[in-house]
């Protein structure tokens, strides 16, 4: 078993995950080892008017802005979401 497969197997489902989710593609500069990857499709749901809750490369759900998603430390800028499936 590869290390990534072993890591993925240890991640529980998010506690607050709704029954219905959407698929979003991140378009922008990839950031962090377990952050967001350019061109990758993520499972997500709307948290509020400004944020999506996205299951990112870490396998955990985090808040990302609906407009201009980027690394929280400012090391990347100008990302965007494409809705793949609502």
PDB file of N, CA and C in Angstrom:
ATOM      1  N   UNK A   1       0.851  -1.181   0.000  1.00  0.00           N
ATOM      2  CA  UNK A   1       0.000   0.000   0.000  1.00  0.00           C
ATOM      3  C   UNK A   1       0.892   1.238   0.000  1.00  0.00           C
ATOM      4  N   UNK A   2       0.567   2.200  -0.873  1.00  0.00           N
ATOM      5  CA  UNK A   2       1.338   3.435  -0.922  1.00  0.00           C
ATOM      6  C   UNK A   2       1.026   4.300   0.289  1.00  0.00           C
ATOM      7  N   UNK A   3       1.983   5.184   0.633  1.00  0.00           N
ATOM      8  CA  UNK A   3       1.793   6.067   1.792  1.00  0.00           C
ATOM      9  C   UNK A   3       0.526   6.909   1.659  1.00  0.00           C
ATOM     10  N   UNK A   4       0.256   7.452   0.444  1.00  0.00           N
ATOM     11  CA  UNK A   4      -0.923   8.288   0.252  1.00  0.00           C
ATOM     12  C   UNK A   4      -2.190   7.478   0.507  1.00  0.00           C
ATOM     13  N   UNK A   5      -2.256   6.230   0.005  1.00  0.00           N
ATOM     14  CA  UNK A   5      -3.425   5.377   0.235  1.00  0.00           C
ATOM     15  C   UNK A   5      -3.612   5.116   1.724  1.00  0.00           C
ATOM     16  N   UNK A   6      -2.539   4.895   2.432  1.00  0.00           N
ATOM     17  CA  UNK A   6      -2.598   4.650   3.870  1.00  0.00           C
ATOM     18  C   UNK A   6      -3.100   5.896   4.581  1.00  0.00           C
ATOM     19  N   UNK A   7      -2.622   7.071   4.137  1.00  0.00           N
ATOM     20  CA  UNK A   7      -3.056   8.335   4.736  1.00  0.00           C
ATOM     21  C   UNK A   7      -4.550   8.546   4.491  1.00  0.00           C
ATOM     22  N   UNK A   8      -4.999   8.339   3.239  1.00  0.00           N
ATOM     23  CA  UNK A   8      -6.401   8.545   2.893  1.00  0.00           C
ATOM     24  C   UNK A   8      -7.320   7.635   3.697  1.00  0.00           C
ATOM     25  N   UNK A   9      -6.895   6.429   3.973  1.00  0.00           N
ATOM     26  CA  UNK A   9      -7.719   5.470   4.706  1.00  0.00           C
ATOM     27  C   UNK A   9      -7.954   5.913   6.150  1.00  0.00           C
ATOM     28  N   UNK A  10      -7.070   6.754   6.689  1.00  0.00           N
ATOM     29  CA  UNK A  10      -7.167   7.196   8.076  1.00  0.00           C
ATOM     30  C   UNK A  10      -8.044   8.431   8.264  1.00  0.00           C
ATOM     31  N   UNK A  11      -8.536   9.025   7.179  1.00  0.00           N
ATOM     32  CA  UNK A  11      -9.295  10.267   7.277  1.00  0.00           C
ATOM     33  C   UNK A  11     -10.782   9.944   7.396  1.00  0.00           C
ATOM     34  N   UNK A  12     -11.401  10.359   8.492  1.00  0.00           N
ATOM     35  CA  UNK A  12     -12.840  10.113   8.656  1.00  0.00           C
ATOM     36  C   UNK A  12     -13.665  11.081   7.807  1.00  0.00           C
ATOM     37  N   UNK A  13     -14.921  10.725   7.550  1.00  0.00           N
ATOM     38  CA  UNK A  13     -15.843  11.637   6.866  1.00  0.00           C
ATOM     39  C   UNK A  13     -16.033  12.881   7.729  1.00  0.00           C
ATOM     40  N   UNK A  14     -16.146  14.060   7.122  1.00  0.00           N
ATOM     41  CA  UNK A  14     -16.425  15.266   7.901  1.00  0.00           C
ATOM     42  C   UNK A  14     -17.729  15.118   8.700  1.00  0.00           C
ATOM     43  N   UNK A  15     -17.731  15.573   9.917  1.00  0.00           N
ATOM     44  CA  UNK A  15     -18.883  15.446  10.795  1.00  0.00           C
ATOM     45  C   UNK A  15     -20.067  16.260  10.277  1.00  0.00           C
ATOM     46  N   UNK A  16     -19.800  17.435   9.733  1.00  0.00           N
ATOM     47  CA  UNK A  16     -20.871  18.343   9.327  1.00  0.00           C
ATOM     48  C   UNK A  16     -21.218  18.249   7.843  1.00  0.00           C
ATOM     49  N   UNK A  17     -20.791  17.194   7.171  1.00  0.00           N
ATOM     50  CA  UNK A  17     -21.021  17.059   5.732  1.00  0.00           C
ATOM     51  C   UNK A  17     -22.516  16.852   5.459  1.00  0.00           C
ATOM     52  N   UNK A  18     -23.105  17.707   4.601  1.00  0.00           N
ATOM     53  CA  UNK A  18     -24.522  17.545   4.290  1.00  0.00           C
ATOM     54  C   UNK A  18     -24.753  16.351   3.364  1.00  0.00           C
ATOM     55  N   UNK A  19     -25.995  15.964   3.249  1.00  0.00           N
ATOM     56  CA  UNK A  19     -26.333  14.833   2.382  1.00  0.00           C
ATOM     57  C   UNK A  19     -26.056  15.163   0.919  1.00  0.00           C
ATOM     58  N   UNK A  20     -26.362  16.412   0.516  1.00  0.00           N
ATOM     59  CA  UNK A  20     -26.129  16.841  -0.864  1.00  0.00           C
ATOM     60  C   UNK A  20     -24.896  17.745  -0.922  1.00  0.00           C
ATOM     61  N   UNK A  21     -23.947  17.396  -1.777  1.00  0.00           N
ATOM     62  CA  UNK A  21     -22.756  18.217  -1.979  1.00  0.00           C
ATOM     63  C   UNK A  21     -22.636  18.552  -3.461  1.00  0.00           C
ATOM     64  N   UNK A  22     -21.680  19.392  -3.793  1.00  0.00           N
ATOM     65  CA  UNK A  22     -21.423  19.771  -5.178  1.00  0.00           C
ATOM     66  C   UNK A  22     -19.989  19.426  -5.537  1.00  0.00           C
ATOM     67  N   UNK A  23     -19.659  19.494  -6.803  1.00  0.00           N
ATOM     68  CA  UNK A  23     -18.296  19.282  -7.289  1.00  0.00           C
ATOM     69  C   UNK A  23     -17.792  20.598  -7.860  1.00  0.00           C
ATOM     70  N   UNK A  24     -16.616  21.016  -7.386  1.00  0.00           N
ATOM     71  CA  UNK A  24     -15.978  22.248  -7.848  1.00  0.00           C
ATOM     72  C   UNK A  24     -14.585  21.935  -8.367  1.00  0.00           C
ATOM     73  N   UNK A  25     -14.199  22.571  -9.472  1.00  0.00           N
ATOM     74  CA  UNK A  25     -12.828  22.467  -9.980  1.00  0.00           C
ATOM     75  C   UNK A  25     -12.091  23.733  -9.562  1.00  0.00           C
ATOM     76  N   UNK A  26     -10.917  23.547  -8.954  1.00  0.00           N
ATOM     77  CA  UNK A  26     -10.079  24.691  -8.598  1.00  0.00           C
ATOM     78  C   UNK A  26      -9.190  25.032  -9.781  1.00  0.00           C
ATOM     79  N   UNK A  27      -9.187  26.297 -10.173  1.00  0.00           N
ATOM     80  CA  UNK A  27      -8.333  26.785 -11.248  1.00  0.00           C
ATOM     81  C   UNK A  27      -7.481  27.895 -10.662  1.00  0.00           C
ATOM     82  N   UNK A  28      -6.187  27.644 -10.581  1.00  0.00           N
ATOM     83  CA  UNK A  28      -5.263  28.616 -10.009  1.00  0.00           C
ATOM     84  C   UNK A  28      -3.980  27.902  -9.634  1.00  0.00           C
ATOM     85  N   UNK A  29      -3.086  28.644  -9.060  1.00  0.00           N
ATOM     86  CA  UNK A  29      -1.803  28.071  -8.657  1.00  0.00           C
ATOM     87  C   UNK A  29      -2.006  27.103  -7.486  1.00  0.00           C
ATOM     88  N   UNK A  30      -1.504  25.869  -7.653  1.00  0.00           N
ATOM     89  CA  UNK A  30      -1.583  24.882  -6.570  1.00  0.00           C
ATOM     90  C   UNK A  30      -0.840  25.405  -5.357  1.00  0.00           C
ATOM     91  N   UNK A  31      -1.324  25.041  -4.158  1.00  0.00           N
ATOM     92  CA  UNK A  31      -0.614  25.468  -2.954  1.00  0.00           C
ATOM     93  C   UNK A  31      -0.688  24.413  -1.871  1.00  0.00           C
ATOM     94  N   UNK A  32       0.346  24.396  -1.080  1.00  0.00           N
ATOM     95  CA  UNK A  32       0.502  23.464   0.037  1.00  0.00           C
ATOM     96  C   UNK A  32       0.449  22.010  -0.449  1.00  0.00           C
ATOM     97  N   UNK A  33       1.115  21.142   0.261  1.00  0.00           N
ATOM     98  CA  UNK A  33       1.114  19.725  -0.067  1.00  0.00           C
ATOM     99  C   UNK A  33      -0.297  19.156   0.011  1.00  0.00           C
ATOM    100  N   UNK A  34      -1.060  19.583   1.014  1.00  0.00           N
ATOM    101  CA  UNK A  34      -2.426  19.088   1.187  1.00  0.00           C
ATOM    102  C   UNK A  34      -3.442  20.228   1.125  1.00  0.00           C
ATOM    103  N   UNK A  35      -3.249  21.161   0.189  1.00  0.00           N
ATOM    104  CA  UNK A  35      -4.172  22.285   0.016  1.00  0.00           C
ATOM    105  C   UNK A  35      -5.058  22.057  -1.192  1.00  0.00           C
ATOM    106  N   UNK A  36      -4.921  22.915  -2.202  1.00  0.00           N
ATOM    107  CA  UNK A  36      -5.688  22.799  -3.445  1.00  0.00           C
ATOM    108  C   UNK A  36      -4.734  22.639  -4.615  1.00  0.00           C
ATOM    109  N   UNK A  37      -5.138  21.829  -5.591  1.00  0.00           N
ATOM    110  CA  UNK A  37      -4.329  21.533  -6.766  1.00  0.00           C
ATOM    111  C   UNK A  37      -5.025  22.058  -8.007  1.00  0.00           C
ATOM    112  N   UNK A  38      -4.297  22.788  -8.837  1.00  0.00           N
ATOM    113  CA  UNK A  38      -4.848  23.335 -10.066  1.00  0.00           C
ATOM    114  C   UNK A  38      -5.483  22.233 -10.912  1.00  0.00           C
ATOM    115  N   UNK A  39      -6.731  22.456 -11.326  1.00  0.00           N
ATOM    116  CA  UNK A  39      -7.428  21.532 -12.204  1.00  0.00           C
ATOM    117  C   UNK A  39      -8.126  20.373 -11.508  1.00  0.00           C
ATOM    118  N   UNK A  40      -7.918  20.218 -10.220  1.00  0.00           N
ATOM    119  CA  UNK A  40      -8.512  19.099  -9.492  1.00  0.00           C
ATOM    120  C   UNK A  40      -9.951  19.424  -9.098  1.00  0.00           C
ATOM    121  N   UNK A  41     -10.799  18.394  -9.111  1.00  0.00           N
ATOM    122  CA  UNK A  41     -12.206  18.540  -8.735  1.00  0.00           C
ATOM    123  C   UNK A  41     -12.370  18.120  -7.279  1.00  0.00           C
ATOM    124  N   UNK A  42     -13.083  18.965  -6.530  1.00  0.00           N
ATOM    125  CA  UNK A  42     -13.272  18.753  -5.096  1.00  0.00           C
ATOM    126  C   UNK A  42     -14.744  18.650  -4.739  1.00  0.00           C
ATOM    127  N   UNK A  43     -15.034  17.879  -3.723  1.00  0.00           N
ATOM    128  CA  UNK A  43     -16.370  17.817  -3.160  1.00  0.00           C
ATOM    129  C   UNK A  43     -16.513  19.001  -2.201  1.00  0.00           C
ATOM    130  N   UNK A  44     -17.657  19.682  -2.275  1.00  0.00           N
ATOM    131  CA  UNK A  44     -17.839  20.899  -1.468  1.00  0.00           C
ATOM    132  C   UNK A  44     -19.317  21.149  -1.205  1.00  0.00           C
ATOM    133  N   UNK A  45     -19.568  22.094  -0.314  1.00  0.00           N
ATOM    134  CA  UNK A  45     -20.926  22.579  -0.068  1.00  0.00           C
ATOM    135  C   UNK A  45     -20.832  24.031   0.360  1.00  0.00           C
ATOM    136  N   UNK A  46     -21.953  24.754   0.174  1.00  0.00           N
ATOM    137  CA  UNK A  46     -21.974  26.158   0.545  1.00  0.00           C
ATOM    138  C   UNK A  46     -22.052  26.290   2.057  1.00  0.00           C
ATOM    139  N   UNK A  47     -21.154  27.070   2.605  1.00  0.00           N
ATOM    140  CA  UNK A  47     -21.168  27.339   4.043  1.00  0.00           C
ATOM    141  C   UNK A  47     -22.039  28.564   4.333  1.00  0.00           C
ATOM    142  N   UNK A  48     -21.852  29.606   3.524  1.00  0.00           N
ATOM    143  CA  UNK A  48     -22.648  30.831   3.625  1.00  0.00           C
ATOM    144  C   UNK A  48     -22.480  31.595   2.321  1.00  0.00           C
ATOM    145  N   UNK A  49     -22.834  32.864   2.302  1.00  0.00           N
ATOM    146  CA  UNK A  49     -22.768  33.644   1.061  1.00  0.00           C
ATOM    147  C   UNK A  49     -21.350  33.838   0.537  1.00  0.00           C
ATOM    148  N   UNK A  50     -20.355  33.749   1.401  1.00  0.00           N
ATOM    149  CA  UNK A  50     -18.978  34.060   1.010  1.00  0.00           C
ATOM    150  C   UNK A  50     -18.043  32.857   0.896  1.00  0.00           C
ATOM    151  N   UNK A  51     -18.421  31.718   1.471  1.00  0.00           N
ATOM    152  CA  UNK A  51     -17.484  30.591   1.556  1.00  0.00           C
ATOM    153  C   UNK A  51     -18.096  29.259   1.134  1.00  0.00           C
ATOM    154  N   UNK A  52     -17.222  28.421   0.531  1.00  0.00           N
ATOM    155  CA  UNK A  52     -17.514  27.010   0.336  1.00  0.00           C
ATOM    156  C   UNK A  52     -16.748  26.242   1.404  1.00  0.00           C
ATOM    157  N   UNK A  53     -17.299  25.164   1.860  1.00  0.00           N
ATOM    158  CA  UNK A  53     -16.561  24.219   2.702  1.00  0.00           C
ATOM    159  C   UNK A  53     -16.119  23.123   1.745  1.00  0.00           C
ATOM    160  N   UNK A  54     -14.807  22.956   1.587  1.00  0.00           N
ATOM    161  CA  UNK A  54     -14.224  22.091   0.566  1.00  0.00           C
ATOM    162  C   UNK A  54     -13.413  20.984   1.222  1.00  0.00           C
ATOM    163  N   UNK A  55     -13.605  19.764   0.758  1.00  0.00           N
ATOM    164  CA  UNK A  55     -12.738  18.671   1.193  1.00  0.00           C
ATOM    165  C   UNK A  55     -11.509  18.754   0.294  1.00  0.00           C
ATOM    166  N   UNK A  56     -10.442  19.328   0.841  1.00  0.00           N
ATOM    167  CA  UNK A  56      -9.247  19.601   0.032  1.00  0.00           C
ATOM    168  C   UNK A  56      -8.319  18.394  -0.011  1.00  0.00           C
ATOM    169  N   UNK A  57      -7.084  18.605  -0.452  1.00  0.00           N
ATOM    170  CA  UNK A  57      -6.139  17.498  -0.611  1.00  0.00           C
ATOM    171  C   UNK A  57      -5.758  16.833   0.705  1.00  0.00           C
ATOM    172  N   UNK A  58      -6.067  17.475   1.818  1.00  0.00           N
ATOM    173  CA  UNK A  58      -5.788  16.864   3.124  1.00  0.00           C
ATOM    174  C   UNK A  58      -6.830  15.798   3.454  1.00  0.00           C
ATOM    175  N   UNK A  59      -7.964  15.840   2.724  1.00  0.00           N
ATOM    176  CA  UNK A  59      -9.060  14.927   3.015  1.00  0.00           C
ATOM    177  C   UNK A  59      -9.999  15.461   4.078  1.00  0.00           C
ATOM    178  N   UNK A  60      -9.686  16.630   4.607  1.00  0.00           N
ATOM    179  CA  UNK A  60     -10.527  17.265   5.615  1.00  0.00           C
ATOM    180  C   UNK A  60     -11.235  18.465   4.981  1.00  0.00           C
ATOM    181  N   UNK A  61     -12.310  18.917   5.610  1.00  0.00           N
ATOM    182  CA  UNK A  61     -13.052  20.041   5.046  1.00  0.00           C
ATOM    183  C   UNK A  61     -12.578  21.355   5.667  1.00  0.00           C
ATOM    184  N   UNK A  62     -12.347  22.329   4.780  1.00  0.00           N
ATOM    185  CA  UNK A  62     -11.898  23.659   5.197  1.00  0.00           C
ATOM    186  C   UNK A  62     -12.697  24.708   4.439  1.00  0.00           C
ATOM    187  N   UNK A  63     -12.781  25.901   5.007  1.00  0.00           N
ATOM    188  CA  UNK A  63     -13.448  27.009   4.342  1.00  0.00           C
ATOM    189  C   UNK A  63     -12.507  27.656   3.335  1.00  0.00           C
ATOM    190  N   UNK A  64     -13.032  27.867   2.121  1.00  0.00           N
ATOM    191  CA  UNK A  64     -12.315  28.596   1.085  1.00  0.00           C
ATOM    192  C   UNK A  64     -13.271  29.638   0.512  1.00  0.00           C
ATOM    193  N   UNK A  65     -12.774  30.846   0.222  1.00  0.00           N
ATOM    194  CA  UNK A  65     -13.640  31.887  -0.330  1.00  0.00           C
ATOM    195  C   UNK A  65     -14.251  31.453  -1.662  1.00  0.00           C
ATOM    196  N   UNK A  66     -15.482  31.865  -1.893  1.00  0.00           N
ATOM    197  CA  UNK A  66     -16.125  31.587  -3.178  1.00  0.00           C
ATOM    198  C   UNK A  66     -15.452  32.387  -4.294  1.00  0.00           C
ATOM    199  N   UNK A  67     -15.014  33.591  -3.957  1.00  0.00           N
ATOM    200  CA  UNK A  67     -14.337  34.449  -4.927  1.00  0.00           C
ATOM    201  C   UNK A  67     -12.856  34.501  -4.572  1.00  0.00           C
ATOM    202  N   UNK A  68     -12.017  34.216  -5.556  1.00  0.00           N
ATOM    203  CA  UNK A  68     -10.568  34.272  -5.393  1.00  0.00           C
ATOM    204  C   UNK A  68     -10.023  33.341  -4.299  1.00  0.00           C
ATOM    205  N   UNK A  69     -10.292  32.028  -4.388  1.00  0.00           N
ATOM    206  CA  UNK A  69      -9.694  31.106  -3.414  1.00  0.00           C
ATOM    207  C   UNK A  69      -8.177  31.085  -3.591  1.00  0.00           C
ATOM    208  N   UNK A  70      -7.461  31.091  -2.479  1.00  0.00           N
ATOM    209  CA  UNK A  70      -6.006  31.144  -2.530  1.00  0.00           C
ATOM    210  C   UNK A  70      -5.441  30.654  -1.193  1.00  0.00           C
ATOM    211  N   UNK A  71      -4.129  30.527  -1.129  1.00  0.00           N
ATOM    212  CA  UNK A  71      -3.470  30.100   0.108  1.00  0.00           C
ATOM    213  C   UNK A  71      -3.693  31.155   1.191  1.00  0.00           C
ATOM    214  N   UNK A  72      -4.075  30.735   2.390  1.00  0.00           N
ATOM    215  CA  UNK A  72      -4.320  31.691   3.478  1.00  0.00           C
ATOM    216  C   UNK A  72      -3.117  32.573   3.817  1.00  0.00           C
ATOM    217  N   UNK A  73      -1.903  32.068   3.569  1.00  0.00           N
ATOM    218  CA  UNK A  73      -0.717  32.857   3.911  1.00  0.00           C
ATOM    219  C   UNK A  73      -0.358  33.878   2.831  1.00  0.00           C
ATOM    220  N   UNK A  74      -1.161  33.951   1.754  1.00  0.00           N
ATOM    221  CA  UNK A  74      -0.914  34.929   0.699  1.00  0.00           C
ATOM    222  C   UNK A  74       0.149  34.516  -0.299  1.00  0.00           C
ATOM    223  N   UNK A  75       0.650  33.283  -0.205  1.00  0.00           N
ATOM    224  CA  UNK A  75       1.701  32.836  -1.120  1.00  0.00           C
ATOM    225  C   UNK A  75       1.172  32.585  -2.535  1.00  0.00           C
ATOM    226  N   UNK A  76      -0.149  32.463  -2.702  1.00  0.00           N
ATOM    227  CA  UNK A  76      -0.770  32.369  -4.024  1.00  0.00           C
ATOM    228  C   UNK A  76      -1.939  33.344  -4.060  1.00  0.00           C
ATOM    229  N   UNK A  77      -2.314  33.737  -5.263  1.00  0.00           N
ATOM    230  CA  UNK A  77      -3.437  34.661  -5.429  1.00  0.00           C
ATOM    231  C   UNK A  77      -4.217  34.294  -6.680  1.00  0.00           C
ATOM    232  N   UNK A  78      -5.394  34.869  -6.799  1.00  0.00           N
ATOM    233  CA  UNK A  78      -6.193  34.826  -8.020  1.00  0.00           C
ATOM    234  C   UNK A  78      -6.619  33.438  -8.479  1.00  0.00           C
ATOM    235  N   UNK A  79      -7.108  32.618  -7.576  1.00  0.00           N
ATOM    236  CA  UNK A  79      -7.726  31.356  -7.971  1.00  0.00           C
ATOM    237  C   UNK A  79      -9.200  31.587  -8.268  1.00  0.00           C
ATOM    238  N   UNK A  80      -9.841  30.557  -8.822  1.00  0.00           N
ATOM    239  CA  UNK A  80     -11.285  30.627  -9.059  1.00  0.00           C
ATOM    240  C   UNK A  80     -11.858  29.218  -9.034  1.00  0.00           C
ATOM    241  N   UNK A  81     -13.170  29.145  -8.848  1.00  0.00           N
ATOM    242  CA  UNK A  81     -13.891  27.871  -8.856  1.00  0.00           C
ATOM    243  C   UNK A  81     -14.688  27.760 -10.134  1.00  0.00           C
ATOM    244  N   UNK A  82     -14.774  26.558 -10.679  1.00  0.00           N
ATOM    245  CA  UNK A  82     -15.698  26.237 -11.754  1.00  0.00           C
ATOM    246  C   UNK A  82     -16.647  25.184 -11.194  1.00  0.00           C
ATOM    247  N   UNK A  83     -17.936  25.417 -11.285  1.00  0.00           N
ATOM    248  CA  UNK A  83     -18.909  24.432 -10.801  1.00  0.00           C
ATOM    249  C   UNK A  83     -19.000  23.320 -11.822  1.00  0.00           C
ATOM    250  N   UNK A  84     -18.704  22.105 -11.411  1.00  0.00           N
ATOM    251  CA  UNK A  84     -18.749  20.937 -12.273  1.00  0.00           C
ATOM    252  C   UNK A  84     -20.096  20.245 -12.145  1.00  0.00           C
ATOM    253  N   UNK A  85     -20.592  20.190 -10.912  1.00  0.00           N
ATOM    254  CA  UNK A  85     -21.872  19.538 -10.640  1.00  0.00           C
ATOM    255  C   UNK A  85     -22.516  20.175  -9.427  1.00  0.00           C
ATOM    256  N   UNK A  86     -23.771  20.564  -9.564  1.00  0.00           N
ATOM    257  CA  UNK A  86     -24.480  21.170  -8.419  1.00  0.00           C
ATOM    258  C   UNK A  86     -25.344  20.159  -7.733  1.00  0.00           C
TER     259      UNK A  86
END
